[in-house]
Amino acid sequence: MTSKELLYVEDALGHENFMKTCSQQTATKLQDPTLASYVAELSQTHTELFNKFLNLL
């Protein structure tokens, strides 16, 4: 993996970690159960994407 590709993966990891954290926090604060469930699913999606990027290293 080139240094440029490594920088891209590290950047993507940071973005996915941020989105995962934000969606987890938001899901716990929402009062609408349908919306909270959807945001929790988004959190799971970002967790999976984070793990896929991590496996590239």
N, C-alpha and C. Protein backbone atom coordinates (compact mmCIF):
# COMPACT_ATOMS: atom_id res chain seq x y z
N MET A 1 0.85 -1.17 0.00
CA MET A 1 0.00 0.00 0.00
C MET A 1 0.90 1.24 0.00
N THR A 2 0.59 2.15 -0.89
CA THR A 2 1.39 3.37 -0.97
C THR A 2 1.05 4.30 0.20
N SER A 3 1.90 5.28 0.41
CA SER A 3 1.66 6.21 1.51
C SER A 3 0.39 7.03 1.26
N LYS A 4 0.11 7.33 -0.01
CA LYS A 4 -1.10 8.08 -0.34
C LYS A 4 -2.35 7.25 -0.04
N GLU A 5 -2.30 5.97 -0.35
CA GLU A 5 -3.43 5.09 -0.06
C GLU A 5 -3.61 4.93 1.44
N LEU A 6 -2.52 4.84 2.17
CA LEU A 6 -2.58 4.72 3.62
C LEU A 6 -3.22 5.97 4.24
N LEU A 7 -2.86 7.13 3.73
CA LEU A 7 -3.47 8.37 4.21
C LEU A 7 -4.97 8.38 3.95
N TYR A 8 -5.39 7.87 2.79
CA TYR A 8 -6.81 7.80 2.46
C TYR A 8 -7.54 6.89 3.44
N VAL A 9 -6.98 5.73 3.72
CA VAL A 9 -7.62 4.78 4.63
C VAL A 9 -7.69 5.37 6.04
N GLU A 10 -6.63 6.02 6.49
CA GLU A 10 -6.64 6.64 7.81
C GLU A 10 -7.69 7.74 7.90
N ASP A 11 -7.83 8.52 6.83
CA ASP A 11 -8.83 9.57 6.78
C ASP A 11 -10.24 8.96 6.81
N ALA A 12 -10.44 7.91 6.05
CA ALA A 12 -11.75 7.24 6.01
C ALA A 12 -12.08 6.65 7.38
N LEU A 13 -11.09 6.09 8.07
CA LEU A 13 -11.31 5.55 9.41
C LEU A 13 -11.77 6.66 10.37
N GLY A 14 -11.15 7.80 10.27
CA GLY A 14 -11.54 8.92 11.13
C GLY A 14 -12.96 9.38 10.86
N HIS A 15 -13.32 9.45 9.59
CA HIS A 15 -14.67 9.88 9.23
C HIS A 15 -15.72 8.86 9.70
N GLU A 16 -15.45 7.60 9.47
CA GLU A 16 -16.40 6.57 9.89
C GLU A 16 -16.53 6.50 11.41
N ASN A 17 -15.43 6.68 12.12
CA ASN A 17 -15.48 6.69 13.58
C ASN A 17 -16.32 7.87 14.07
N PHE A 18 -16.15 9.02 13.44
CA PHE A 18 -16.93 10.21 13.81
C PHE A 18 -18.42 9.98 13.55
N MET A 19 -18.75 9.44 12.38
CA MET A 19 -20.16 9.20 12.05
C MET A 19 -20.77 8.15 12.97
N LYS A 20 -20.00 7.13 13.30
CA LYS A 20 -20.47 6.08 14.21
C LYS A 20 -20.80 6.69 15.58
N THR A 21 -19.88 7.49 16.10
CA THR A 21 -20.07 8.10 17.41
C THR A 21 -21.26 9.05 17.41
N CYS A 22 -21.35 9.89 16.39
CA CYS A 22 -22.46 10.85 16.32
C CYS A 22 -23.81 10.14 16.22
N SER A 23 -23.89 9.12 15.41
CA SER A 23 -25.17 8.43 15.24
C SER A 23 -25.55 7.66 16.50
N GLN A 24 -24.57 7.09 17.21
CA GLN A 24 -24.87 6.40 18.47
C GLN A 24 -25.41 7.38 19.50
N GLN A 25 -24.78 8.52 19.62
CA GLN A 25 -25.22 9.52 20.59
C GLN A 25 -26.60 10.06 20.22
N THR A 26 -26.83 10.30 18.95
CA THR A 26 -28.11 10.83 18.51
C THR A 26 -29.22 9.82 18.72
N ALA A 27 -28.97 8.55 18.44
CA ALA A 27 -29.99 7.52 18.61
C ALA A 27 -30.48 7.44 20.05
N THR A 28 -29.58 7.67 21.00
CA THR A 28 -29.99 7.58 22.40
C THR A 28 -30.79 8.80 22.84
N LYS A 29 -30.66 9.91 22.13
CA LYS A 29 -31.34 11.14 22.51
C LYS A 29 -32.70 11.32 21.84
N LEU A 30 -32.94 10.59 20.76
CA LEU A 30 -34.20 10.76 20.03
C LEU A 30 -35.37 10.17 20.80
N GLN A 31 -36.50 10.85 20.74
CA GLN A 31 -37.69 10.38 21.42
C GLN A 31 -38.59 9.55 20.51
N ASP A 32 -38.52 9.80 19.22
CA ASP A 32 -39.32 9.03 18.27
C ASP A 32 -38.67 7.66 18.09
N PRO A 33 -39.35 6.59 18.46
CA PRO A 33 -38.73 5.26 18.40
C PRO A 33 -38.39 4.81 16.98
N THR A 34 -39.19 5.19 16.00
CA THR A 34 -38.90 4.82 14.62
C THR A 34 -37.63 5.49 14.13
N LEU A 35 -37.52 6.77 14.40
CA LEU A 35 -36.34 7.52 13.99
C LEU A 35 -35.11 7.05 14.75
N ALA A 36 -35.26 6.79 16.03
CA ALA A 36 -34.14 6.30 16.84
C ALA A 36 -33.65 4.97 16.31
N SER A 37 -34.57 4.10 15.91
CA SER A 37 -34.20 2.80 15.34
C SER A 37 -33.43 2.97 14.04
N TYR A 38 -33.89 3.88 13.20
CA TYR A 38 -33.22 4.13 11.92
C TYR A 38 -31.81 4.66 12.14
N VAL A 39 -31.65 5.59 13.07
CA VAL A 39 -30.32 6.15 13.35
C VAL A 39 -29.41 5.10 13.96
N ALA A 40 -29.98 4.20 14.76
CA ALA A 40 -29.18 3.11 15.31
C ALA A 40 -28.70 2.18 14.20
N GLU A 41 -29.54 1.96 13.19
CA GLU A 41 -29.12 1.17 12.03
C GLU A 41 -27.98 1.86 11.29
N LEU A 42 -28.07 3.18 11.17
CA LEU A 42 -26.98 3.94 10.54
C LEU A 42 -25.69 3.78 11.32
N SER A 43 -25.80 3.77 12.63
CA SER A 43 -24.64 3.57 13.48
C SER A 43 -24.01 2.21 13.20
N GLN A 44 -24.83 1.21 13.06
CA GLN A 44 -24.32 -0.14 12.76
C GLN A 44 -23.65 -0.17 11.39
N THR A 45 -24.23 0.52 10.43
CA THR A 45 -23.63 0.59 9.10
C THR A 45 -22.25 1.24 9.15
N HIS A 46 -22.14 2.33 9.89
CA HIS A 46 -20.84 3.00 10.00
C HIS A 46 -19.83 2.15 10.77
N THR A 47 -20.29 1.36 11.71
CA THR A 47 -19.41 0.44 12.42
C THR A 47 -18.86 -0.61 11.46
N GLU A 48 -19.73 -1.13 10.60
CA GLU A 48 -19.30 -2.13 9.62
C GLU A 48 -18.31 -1.52 8.62
N LEU A 49 -18.58 -0.30 8.17
CA LEU A 49 -17.66 0.36 7.24
C LEU A 49 -16.31 0.63 7.91
N PHE A 50 -16.34 1.05 9.17
CA PHE A 50 -15.11 1.27 9.92
C PHE A 50 -14.28 -0.02 9.96
N ASN A 51 -14.94 -1.12 10.26
CA ASN A 51 -14.23 -2.41 10.34
C ASN A 51 -13.67 -2.84 8.99
N LYS A 52 -14.40 -2.56 7.90
CA LYS A 52 -13.89 -2.91 6.57
C LYS A 52 -12.63 -2.11 6.23
N PHE A 53 -12.66 -0.81 6.55
CA PHE A 53 -11.48 0.02 6.31
C PHE A 53 -10.32 -0.45 7.20
N LEU A 54 -10.62 -0.81 8.44
CA LEU A 54 -9.58 -1.27 9.35
C LEU A 54 -8.93 -2.55 8.84
N ASN A 55 -9.72 -3.42 8.23
CA ASN A 55 -9.18 -4.66 7.70
C ASN A 55 -8.26 -4.45 6.50
N LEU A 56 -8.33 -3.26 5.89
CA LEU A 56 -7.41 -2.98 4.79
C LEU A 56 -5.98 -2.80 5.28
N LEU A 57 -5.85 -2.46 6.55
CA LEU A 57 -4.50 -2.25 7.10
C LEU A 57 -3.94 -3.55 7.47
